[in-house]
Amino acid sequence: SKGDTIYVTTEPGDVHVFDTASGLR
């Protein structure tokens, strides 16, 4: 519900990683 606080994480294979400066994967 609105107002709740939830805690989330993920799995390594589900994370897309990009270089912040160039924007490339």
mmCIF file of all heavy atoms, coordinates in Angstrom:
data_MODEL
# 
_entry.id   MODEL 
# 
loop_
_atom_site.group_PDB 
_atom_site.id 
_atom_site.type_symbol 
_atom_site.label_atom_id 
_atom_site.label_alt_id 
_atom_site.label_comp_id 
_atom_site.label_asym_id 
_atom_site.label_entity_id 
_atom_site.label_seq_id 
_atom_site.pdbx_PDB_ins_code 
_atom_site.Cartn_x 
_atom_site.Cartn_y 
_atom_site.Cartn_z 
_atom_site.occupancy 
_atom_site.B_iso_or_equiv 
_atom_site.pdbx_formal_charge 
_atom_site.auth_seq_id 
_atom_site.auth_comp_id 
_atom_site.auth_asym_id 
_atom_site.auth_atom_id 
_atom_site.pdbx_PDB_model_num 
ATOM 1   N N   . SER A 1 1  ? 0.828  -1.206  0.000   1.00 0.00 ? 1  SER A N   1 
ATOM 2   C CA  . SER A 1 1  ? 0.000  0.000   0.000   1.00 0.00 ? 1  SER A CA  1 
ATOM 3   C C   . SER A 1 1  ? 0.864  1.258   0.000   1.00 0.00 ? 1  SER A C   1 
ATOM 4   O O   . SER A 1 1  ? 2.037  1.230   0.391   1.00 0.00 ? 1  SER A O   1 
ATOM 5   C CB  . SER A 1 1  ? -0.917 0.026   1.228   1.00 0.00 ? 1  SER A CB  1 
ATOM 6   O OG  . SER A 1 1  ? -1.717 -1.130  1.278   1.00 0.00 ? 1  SER A OG  1 
ATOM 7   N N   . LYS A 1 2  ? 0.265  2.365   -0.402  1.00 0.00 ? 2  LYS A N   1 
ATOM 8   C CA  . LYS A 1 2  ? 0.917  3.659   -0.354  1.00 0.00 ? 2  LYS A CA  1 
ATOM 9   C C   . LYS A 1 2  ? 1.352  3.961   1.076   1.00 0.00 ? 2  LYS A C   1 
ATOM 10  O O   . LYS A 1 2  ? 0.592  3.748   2.021   1.00 0.00 ? 2  LYS A O   1 
ATOM 11  C CB  . LYS A 1 2  ? -0.058 4.737   -0.843  1.00 0.00 ? 2  LYS A CB  1 
ATOM 12  C CG  . LYS A 1 2  ? 0.477  6.145   -0.808  1.00 0.00 ? 2  LYS A CG  1 
ATOM 13  C CD  . LYS A 1 2  ? -0.578 7.124   -1.307  1.00 0.00 ? 2  LYS A CD  1 
ATOM 14  C CE  . LYS A 1 2  ? -0.083 8.559   -1.213  1.00 0.00 ? 2  LYS A CE  1 
ATOM 15  N NZ  . LYS A 1 2  ? -1.104 9.528   -1.681  1.00 0.00 ? 2  LYS A NZ  1 
ATOM 16  N N   . GLY A 1 3  ? 2.589  4.424   1.251   1.00 0.00 ? 3  GLY A N   1 
ATOM 17  C CA  . GLY A 1 3  ? 3.118  4.720   2.583   1.00 0.00 ? 3  GLY A CA  1 
ATOM 18  C C   . GLY A 1 3  ? 3.968  3.619   3.166   1.00 0.00 ? 3  GLY A C   1 
ATOM 19  O O   . GLY A 1 3  ? 4.726  3.848   4.115   1.00 0.00 ? 3  GLY A O   1 
ATOM 20  N N   . ASP A 1 4  ? 3.877  2.390   2.599   1.00 0.00 ? 4  ASP A N   1 
ATOM 21  C CA  . ASP A 1 4  ? 4.716  1.279   3.081   1.00 0.00 ? 4  ASP A CA  1 
ATOM 22  C C   . ASP A 1 4  ? 6.173  1.512   2.682   1.00 0.00 ? 4  ASP A C   1 
ATOM 23  O O   . ASP A 1 4  ? 6.465  2.252   1.736   1.00 0.00 ? 4  ASP A O   1 
ATOM 24  C CB  . ASP A 1 4  ? 4.258  -0.052  2.474   1.00 0.00 ? 4  ASP A CB  1 
ATOM 25  C CG  . ASP A 1 4  ? 2.911  -0.513  3.012   1.00 0.00 ? 4  ASP A CG  1 
ATOM 26  O OD1 . ASP A 1 4  ? 2.436  0.094   3.989   1.00 0.00 ? 4  ASP A OD1 1 
ATOM 27  O OD2 . ASP A 1 4  ? 2.336  -1.462  2.440   1.00 0.00 ? 4  ASP A OD2 1 
ATOM 28  N N   . THR A 1 5  ? 7.093  0.872   3.389   1.00 0.00 ? 5  THR A N   1 
ATOM 29  C CA  . THR A 1 5  ? 8.502  0.817   2.980   1.00 0.00 ? 5  THR A CA  1 
ATOM 30  C C   . THR A 1 5  ? 8.846  -0.629  2.685   1.00 0.00 ? 5  THR A C   1 
ATOM 31  O O   . THR A 1 5  ? 8.628  -1.519  3.524   1.00 0.00 ? 5  THR A O   1 
ATOM 32  C CB  . THR A 1 5  ? 9.433  1.366   4.069   1.00 0.00 ? 5  THR A CB  1 
ATOM 33  O OG1 . THR A 1 5  ? 9.148  2.757   4.283   1.00 0.00 ? 5  THR A OG1 1 
ATOM 34  C CG2 . THR A 1 5  ? 10.889 1.229   3.656   1.00 0.00 ? 5  THR A CG2 1 
ATOM 35  N N   . ILE A 1 6  ? 9.345  -0.884  1.474   1.00 0.00 ? 6  ILE A N   1 
ATOM 36  C CA  . ILE A 1 6  ? 9.755  -2.234  1.107   1.00 0.00 ? 6  ILE A CA  1 
ATOM 37  C C   . ILE A 1 6  ? 11.256 -2.235  0.836   1.00 0.00 ? 6  ILE A C   1 
ATOM 38  O O   . ILE A 1 6  ? 11.858 -1.193  0.569   1.00 0.00 ? 6  ILE A O   1 
ATOM 39  C CB  . ILE A 1 6  ? 8.982  -2.743  -0.133  1.00 0.00 ? 6  ILE A CB  1 
ATOM 40  C CG1 . ILE A 1 6  ? 9.248  -1.830  -1.346  1.00 0.00 ? 6  ILE A CG1 1 
ATOM 41  C CG2 . ILE A 1 6  ? 7.480  -2.822  0.154   1.00 0.00 ? 6  ILE A CG2 1 
ATOM 42  C CD1 . ILE A 1 6  ? 8.632  -2.355  -2.650  1.00 0.00 ? 6  ILE A CD1 1 
ATOM 43  N N   . TYR A 1 7  ? 11.870 -3.411  0.898   1.00 0.00 ? 7  TYR A N   1 
ATOM 44  C CA  . TYR A 1 7  ? 13.308 -3.557  0.663   1.00 0.00 ? 7  TYR A CA  1 
ATOM 45  C C   . TYR A 1 7  ? 13.504 -4.508  -0.509  1.00 0.00 ? 7  TYR A C   1 
ATOM 46  O O   . TYR A 1 7  ? 12.900 -5.585  -0.545  1.00 0.00 ? 7  TYR A O   1 
ATOM 47  C CB  . TYR A 1 7  ? 14.006 -4.094  1.924   1.00 0.00 ? 7  TYR A CB  1 
ATOM 48  C CG  . TYR A 1 7  ? 13.922 -3.131  3.088   1.00 0.00 ? 7  TYR A CG  1 
ATOM 49  C CD1 . TYR A 1 7  ? 12.784 -3.089  3.903   1.00 0.00 ? 7  TYR A CD1 1 
ATOM 50  C CD2 . TYR A 1 7  ? 14.954 -2.238  3.360   1.00 0.00 ? 7  TYR A CD2 1 
ATOM 51  C CE1 . TYR A 1 7  ? 12.687 -2.187  4.956   1.00 0.00 ? 7  TYR A CE1 1 
ATOM 52  C CE2 . TYR A 1 7  ? 14.864 -1.332  4.413   1.00 0.00 ? 7  TYR A CE2 1 
ATOM 53  C CZ  . TYR A 1 7  ? 13.725 -1.320  5.207   1.00 0.00 ? 7  TYR A CZ  1 
ATOM 54  O OH  . TYR A 1 7  ? 13.631 -0.407  6.241   1.00 0.00 ? 7  TYR A OH  1 
ATOM 55  N N   . VAL A 1 8  ? 14.327 -4.089  -1.483  1.00 0.00 ? 8  VAL A N   1 
ATOM 56  C CA  . VAL A 1 8  ? 14.479 -4.880  -2.701  1.00 0.00 ? 8  VAL A CA  1 
ATOM 57  C C   . VAL A 1 8  ? 15.947 -5.073  -3.058  1.00 0.00 ? 8  VAL A C   1 
ATOM 58  O O   . VAL A 1 8  ? 16.799 -4.239  -2.771  1.00 0.00 ? 8  VAL A O   1 
ATOM 59  C CB  . VAL A 1 8  ? 13.755 -4.200  -3.892  1.00 0.00 ? 8  VAL A CB  1 
ATOM 60  C CG1 . VAL A 1 8  ? 12.251 -4.161  -3.676  1.00 0.00 ? 8  VAL A CG1 1 
ATOM 61  C CG2 . VAL A 1 8  ? 14.287 -2.798  -4.142  1.00 0.00 ? 8  VAL A CG2 1 
ATOM 62  N N   . THR A 1 9  ? 16.215 -6.207  -3.690  1.00 0.00 ? 9  THR A N   1 
ATOM 63  C CA  . THR A 1 9  ? 17.530 -6.476  -4.279  1.00 0.00 ? 9  THR A CA  1 
ATOM 64  C C   . THR A 1 9  ? 17.268 -7.227  -5.579  1.00 0.00 ? 9  THR A C   1 
ATOM 65  O O   . THR A 1 9  ? 16.127 -7.304  -6.041  1.00 0.00 ? 9  THR A O   1 
ATOM 66  C CB  . THR A 1 9  ? 18.425 -7.266  -3.307  1.00 0.00 ? 9  THR A CB  1 
ATOM 67  O OG1 . THR A 1 9  ? 19.744 -7.360  -3.874  1.00 0.00 ? 9  THR A OG1 1 
ATOM 68  C CG2 . THR A 1 9  ? 17.887 -8.655  -3.050  1.00 0.00 ? 9  THR A CG2 1 
ATOM 69  N N   . THR A 1 10 ? 18.309 -7.780  -6.177  1.00 0.00 ? 10 THR A N   1 
ATOM 70  C CA  . THR A 1 10 ? 18.128 -8.484  -7.442  1.00 0.00 ? 10 THR A CA  1 
ATOM 71  C C   . THR A 1 10 ? 19.225 -9.526  -7.602  1.00 0.00 ? 10 THR A C   1 
ATOM 72  O O   . THR A 1 10 ? 20.061 -9.698  -6.702  1.00 0.00 ? 10 THR A O   1 
ATOM 73  C CB  . THR A 1 10 ? 18.130 -7.485  -8.622  1.00 0.00 ? 10 THR A CB  1 
ATOM 74  O OG1 . THR A 1 10 ? 17.782 -8.166  -9.819  1.00 0.00 ? 10 THR A OG1 1 
ATOM 75  C CG2 . THR A 1 10 ? 19.485 -6.816  -8.787  1.00 0.00 ? 10 THR A CG2 1 
ATOM 76  N N   . GLU A 1 11 ? 19.231 -10.229 -8.737  1.00 0.00 ? 11 GLU A N   1 
ATOM 77  C CA  . GLU A 1 11 ? 20.250 -11.234 -9.028  1.00 0.00 ? 11 GLU A CA  1 
ATOM 78  C C   . GLU A 1 11 ? 21.270 -10.667 -10.010 1.00 0.00 ? 11 GLU A C   1 
ATOM 79  O O   . GLU A 1 11 ? 20.913 -9.827  -10.850 1.00 0.00 ? 11 GLU A O   1 
ATOM 80  C CB  . GLU A 1 11 ? 19.603 -12.490 -9.625  1.00 0.00 ? 11 GLU A CB  1 
ATOM 81  C CG  . GLU A 1 11 ? 18.504 -13.112 -8.778  1.00 0.00 ? 11 GLU A CG  1 
ATOM 82  C CD  . GLU A 1 11 ? 19.018 -13.582 -7.424  1.00 0.00 ? 11 GLU A CD  1 
ATOM 83  O OE1 . GLU A 1 11 ? 20.215 -13.969 -7.345  1.00 0.00 ? 11 GLU A OE1 1 
ATOM 84  O OE2 . GLU A 1 11 ? 18.245 -13.557 -6.454  1.00 0.00 ? 11 GLU A OE2 1 
ATOM 85  N N   . PRO A 1 12 ? 22.537 -11.105 -9.949  1.00 0.00 ? 12 PRO A N   1 
ATOM 86  C CA  . PRO A 1 12 ? 23.572 -10.547 -10.832 1.00 0.00 ? 12 PRO A CA  1 
ATOM 87  C C   . PRO A 1 12 ? 23.198 -10.615 -12.311 1.00 0.00 ? 12 PRO A C   1 
ATOM 88  O O   . PRO A 1 12 ? 23.463 -9.677  -13.065 1.00 0.00 ? 12 PRO A O   1 
ATOM 89  C CB  . PRO A 1 12 ? 24.804 -11.412 -10.526 1.00 0.00 ? 12 PRO A CB  1 
ATOM 90  C CG  . PRO A 1 12 ? 24.580 -11.914 -9.139  1.00 0.00 ? 12 PRO A CG  1 
ATOM 91  C CD  . PRO A 1 12 ? 23.102 -12.090 -8.996  1.00 0.00 ? 12 PRO A CD  1 
ATOM 92  N N   . GLY A 1 13 ? 22.582 -11.711 -12.733 1.00 0.00 ? 13 GLY A N   1 
ATOM 93  C CA  . GLY A 1 13 ? 22.229 -11.873 -14.142 1.00 0.00 ? 13 GLY A CA  1 
ATOM 94  C C   . GLY A 1 13 ? 21.126 -10.946 -14.619 1.00 0.00 ? 13 GLY A C   1 
ATOM 95  O O   . GLY A 1 13 ? 20.908 -10.802 -15.830 1.00 0.00 ? 13 GLY A O   1 
ATOM 96  N N   . ASP A 1 14 ? 20.429 -10.312 -13.696 1.00 0.00 ? 14 ASP A N   1 
ATOM 97  C CA  . ASP A 1 14 ? 19.331 -9.420  -14.052 1.00 0.00 ? 14 ASP A CA  1 
ATOM 98  C C   . ASP A 1 14 ? 19.740 -7.945  -14.047 1.00 0.00 ? 14 ASP A C   1 
ATOM 99  O O   . ASP A 1 14 ? 18.895 -7.070  -14.254 1.00 0.00 ? 14 ASP A O   1 
ATOM 100 C CB  . ASP A 1 14 ? 18.155 -9.607  -13.076 1.00 0.00 ? 14 ASP A CB  1 
ATOM 101 C CG  . ASP A 1 14 ? 17.491 -10.960 -13.232 1.00 0.00 ? 14 ASP A CG  1 
ATOM 102 O OD1 . ASP A 1 14 ? 17.497 -11.487 -14.358 1.00 0.00 ? 14 ASP A OD1 1 
ATOM 103 O OD2 . ASP A 1 14 ? 16.971 -11.492 -12.232 1.00 0.00 ? 14 ASP A OD2 1 
ATOM 104 N N   . VAL A 1 15 ? 21.029 -7.678  -13.811 1.00 0.00 ? 15 VAL A N   1 
ATOM 105 C CA  . VAL A 1 15 ? 21.505 -6.293  -13.728 1.00 0.00 ? 15 VAL A CA  1 
ATOM 106 C C   . VAL A 1 15 ? 22.240 -5.929  -15.015 1.00 0.00 ? 15 VAL A C   1 
ATOM 107 O O   . VAL A 1 15 ? 23.164 -6.619  -15.435 1.00 0.00 ? 15 VAL A O   1 
ATOM 108 C CB  . VAL A 1 15 ? 22.444 -6.096  -12.516 1.00 0.00 ? 15 VAL A CB  1 
ATOM 109 C CG1 . VAL A 1 15 ? 22.918 -4.643  -12.447 1.00 0.00 ? 15 VAL A CG1 1 
ATOM 110 C CG2 . VAL A 1 15 ? 21.744 -6.480  -11.228 1.00 0.00 ? 15 VAL A CG2 1 
ATOM 111 N N   . HIS A 1 16 ? 21.806 -4.848  -15.648 1.00 0.00 ? 16 HIS A N   1 
ATOM 112 C CA  . HIS A 1 16 ? 22.491 -4.305  -16.823 1.00 0.00 ? 16 HIS A CA  1 
ATOM 113 C C   . HIS A 1 16 ? 23.482 -3.258  -16.318 1.00 0.00 ? 16 HIS A C   1 
ATOM 114 O O   . HIS A 1 16 ? 23.119 -2.388  -15.517 1.00 0.00 ? 16 HIS A O   1 
ATOM 115 C CB  . HIS A 1 16 ? 21.493 -3.659  -17.772 1.00 0.00 ? 16 HIS A CB  1 
ATOM 116 C CG  . HIS A 1 16 ? 20.392 -4.578  -18.212 1.00 0.00 ? 16 HIS A CG  1 
ATOM 117 N ND1 . HIS A 1 16 ? 20.409 -5.270  -19.399 1.00 0.00 ? 16 HIS A ND1 1 
ATOM 118 C CD2 . HIS A 1 16 ? 19.225 -4.929  -17.596 1.00 0.00 ? 16 HIS A CD2 1 
ATOM 119 C CE1 . HIS A 1 16 ? 19.313 -5.986  -19.511 1.00 0.00 ? 16 HIS A CE1 1 
ATOM 120 N NE2 . HIS A 1 16 ? 18.572 -5.797  -18.424 1.00 0.00 ? 16 HIS A NE2 1 
ATOM 121 N N   . VAL A 1 17 ? 24.728 -3.327  -16.789 1.00 0.00 ? 17 VAL A N   1 
ATOM 122 C CA  . VAL A 1 17 ? 25.769 -2.432  -16.291 1.00 0.00 ? 17 VAL A CA  1 
ATOM 123 C C   . VAL A 1 17 ? 26.287 -1.562  -17.438 1.00 0.00 ? 17 VAL A C   1 
ATOM 124 O O   . VAL A 1 17 ? 26.623 -2.062  -18.515 1.00 0.00 ? 17 VAL A O   1 
ATOM 125 C CB  . VAL A 1 17 ? 26.938 -3.222  -15.667 1.00 0.00 ? 17 VAL A CB  1 
ATOM 126 C CG1 . VAL A 1 17 ? 27.944 -2.269  -15.043 1.00 0.00 ? 17 VAL A CG1 1 
ATOM 127 C CG2 . VAL A 1 17 ? 26.426 -4.206  -14.621 1.00 0.00 ? 17 VAL A CG2 1 
ATOM 128 N N   . PHE A 1 18 ? 26.339 -0.251  -17.209 1.00 0.00 ? 18 PHE A N   1 
ATOM 129 C CA  . PHE A 1 18 ? 26.774 0.710   -18.221 1.00 0.00 ? 18 PHE A CA  1 
ATOM 130 C C   . PHE A 1 18 ? 27.862 1.607   -17.638 1.00 0.00 ? 18 PHE A C   1 
ATOM 131 O O   . PHE A 1 18 ? 27.860 1.905   -16.439 1.00 0.00 ? 18 PHE A O   1 
ATOM 132 C CB  . PHE A 1 18 ? 25.606 1.583   -18.682 1.00 0.00 ? 18 PHE A CB  1 
ATOM 133 C CG  . PHE A 1 18 ? 24.433 0.794   -19.188 1.00 0.00 ? 18 PHE A CG  1 
ATOM 134 C CD1 . PHE A 1 18 ? 23.416 0.420   -18.317 1.00 0.00 ? 18 PHE A CD1 1 
ATOM 135 C CD2 . PHE A 1 18 ? 24.344 0.425   -20.528 1.00 0.00 ? 18 PHE A CD2 1 
ATOM 136 C CE1 . PHE A 1 18 ? 22.309 -0.318  -18.774 1.00 0.00 ? 18 PHE A CE1 1 
ATOM 137 C CE2 . PHE A 1 18 ? 23.249 -0.302  -20.991 1.00 0.00 ? 18 PHE A CE2 1 
ATOM 138 C CZ  . PHE A 1 18 ? 22.248 -0.667  -20.106 1.00 0.00 ? 18 PHE A CZ  1 
ATOM 139 N N   . ASP A 1 19 ? 28.786 2.027   -18.504 1.00 0.00 ? 19 ASP A N   1 
ATOM 140 C CA  . ASP A 1 19 ? 29.774 3.011   -18.108 1.00 0.00 ? 19 ASP A CA  1 
ATOM 141 C C   . ASP A 1 19 ? 29.079 4.376   -18.035 1.00 0.00 ? 19 ASP A C   1 
ATOM 142 O O   . ASP A 1 19 ? 28.483 4.824   -19.022 1.00 0.00 ? 19 ASP A O   1 
ATOM 143 C CB  . ASP A 1 19 ? 30.918 3.052   -19.114 1.00 0.00 ? 19 ASP A CB  1 
ATOM 144 C CG  . ASP A 1 19 ? 31.981 4.078   -18.738 1.00 0.00 ? 19 ASP A CG  1 
ATOM 145 O OD1 . ASP A 1 19 ? 32.790 3.802   -17.844 1.00 0.00 ? 19 ASP A OD1 1 
ATOM 146 O OD2 . ASP A 1 19 ? 31.963 5.169   -19.348 1.00 0.00 ? 19 ASP A OD2 1 
ATOM 147 N N   . THR A 1 20 ? 29.156 5.027   -16.904 1.00 0.00 ? 20 THR A N   1 
ATOM 148 C CA  . THR A 1 20 ? 28.417 6.291   -16.712 1.00 0.00 ? 20 THR A CA  1 
ATOM 149 C C   . THR A 1 20 ? 28.919 7.367   -17.673 1.00 0.00 ? 20 THR A C   1 
ATOM 150 O O   . THR A 1 20 ? 28.120 8.148   -18.222 1.00 0.00 ? 20 THR A O   1 
ATOM 151 C CB  . THR A 1 20 ? 28.544 6.774   -15.261 1.00 0.00 ? 20 THR A CB  1 
ATOM 152 O OG1 . THR A 1 20 ? 27.990 5.768   -14.391 1.00 0.00 ? 20 THR A OG1 1 
ATOM 153 C CG2 . THR A 1 20 ? 27.777 8.069   -15.045 1.00 0.00 ? 20 THR A CG2 1 
ATOM 154 N N   . ALA A 1 21 ? 30.225 7.446   -17.895 1.00 0.00 ? 21 ALA A N   1 
ATOM 155 C CA  . ALA A 1 21 ? 30.781 8.520   -18.722 1.00 0.00 ? 21 ALA A CA  1 
ATOM 156 C C   . ALA A 1 21 ? 30.375 8.365   -20.189 1.00 0.00 ? 21 ALA A C   1 
ATOM 157 O O   . ALA A 1 21 ? 29.919 9.320   -20.831 1.00 0.00 ? 21 ALA A O   1 
ATOM 158 C CB  . ALA A 1 21 ? 32.300 8.537   -18.590 1.00 0.00 ? 21 ALA A CB  1 
ATOM 159 N N   . SER A 1 22 ? 30.569 7.164   -20.751 1.00 0.00 ? 22 SER A N   1 
ATOM 160 C CA  . SER A 1 22 ? 30.281 6.964   -22.176 1.00 0.00 ? 22 SER A CA  1 
ATOM 161 C C   . SER A 1 22 ? 28.837 6.541   -22.434 1.00 0.00 ? 22 SER A C   1 
ATOM 162 O O   . SER A 1 22 ? 28.337 6.711   -23.544 1.00 0.00 ? 22 SER A O   1 
ATOM 163 C CB  . SER A 1 22 ? 31.225 5.884   -22.751 1.00 0.00 ? 22 SER A CB  1 
ATOM 164 O OG  . SER A 1 22 ? 30.921 4.618   -22.163 1.00 0.00 ? 22 SER A OG  1 
ATOM 165 N N   . GLY A 1 23 ? 28.190 5.978   -21.431 1.00 0.00 ? 23 GLY A N   1 
ATOM 166 C CA  . GLY A 1 23 ? 26.839 5.461   -21.593 1.00 0.00 ? 23 GLY A CA  1 
ATOM 167 C C   . GLY A 1 23 ? 26.771 4.082   -22.229 1.00 0.00 ? 23 GLY A C   1 
ATOM 168 O O   . GLY A 1 23 ? 25.685 3.519   -22.406 1.00 0.00 ? 23 GLY A O   1 
ATOM 169 N N   . LEU A 1 24 ? 27.919 3.499   -22.559 1.00 0.00 ? 24 LEU A N   1 
ATOM 170 C CA  . LEU A 1 24 ? 27.938 2.211   -23.254 1.00 0.00 ? 24 LEU A CA  1 
ATOM 171 C C   . LEU A 1 24 ? 27.827 1.045   -22.279 1.00 0.00 ? 24 LEU A C   1 
ATOM 172 O O   . LEU A 1 24 ? 28.266 1.118   -21.140 1.00 0.00 ? 24 LEU A O   1 
ATOM 173 C CB  . LEU A 1 24 ? 29.223 2.071   -24.071 1.00 0.00 ? 24 LEU A CB  1 
ATOM 174 C CG  . LEU A 1 24 ? 29.415 3.086   -25.194 1.00 0.00 ? 24 LEU A CG  1 
ATOM 175 C CD1 . LEU A 1 24 ? 30.759 2.897   -25.875 1.00 0.00 ? 24 LEU A CD1 1 
ATOM 176 C CD2 . LEU A 1 24 ? 28.270 2.998   -26.203 1.00 0.00 ? 24 LEU A CD2 1 
ATOM 177 N N   . ARG A 1 25 ? 27.273 -0.042  -22.778 1.00 0.00 ? 25 ARG A N   1 
ATOM 178 C CA  . ARG A 1 25 ? 27.096 -1.252  -21.979 1.00 0.00 ? 25 ARG A CA  1 
ATOM 179 C C   . ARG A 1 25 ? 28.436 -1.889  -21.655 1.00 0.00 ? 25 ARG A C   1 
ATOM 180 O O   . ARG A 1 25 ? 29.337 -1.932  -22.495 1.00 0.00 ? 25 ARG A O   1 
ATOM 181 C CB  . ARG A 1 25 ? 26.226 -2.248  -22.747 1.00 0.00 ? 25 ARG A CB  1 
ATOM 182 C CG  . ARG A 1 25 ? 25.893 -3.538  -21.991 1.00 0.00 ? 25 ARG A CG  1 
ATOM 183 C CD  . ARG A 1 25 ? 25.104 -4.510  -22.868 1.00 0.00 ? 25 ARG A CD  1 
ATOM 184 N NE  . ARG A 1 25 ? 24.686 -5.661  -22.106 1.00 0.00 ? 25 ARG A NE  1 
ATOM 185 C CZ  . ARG A 1 25 ? 23.568 -5.730  -21.413 1.00 0.00 ? 25 ARG A CZ  1 
ATOM 186 N NH1 . ARG A 1 25 ? 22.737 -4.704  -21.430 1.00 0.00 ? 25 ARG A NH1 1 
ATOM 187 N NH2 . ARG A 1 25 ? 23.255 -6.818  -20.721 1.00 0.00 ? 25 ARG A NH2 1 
# 
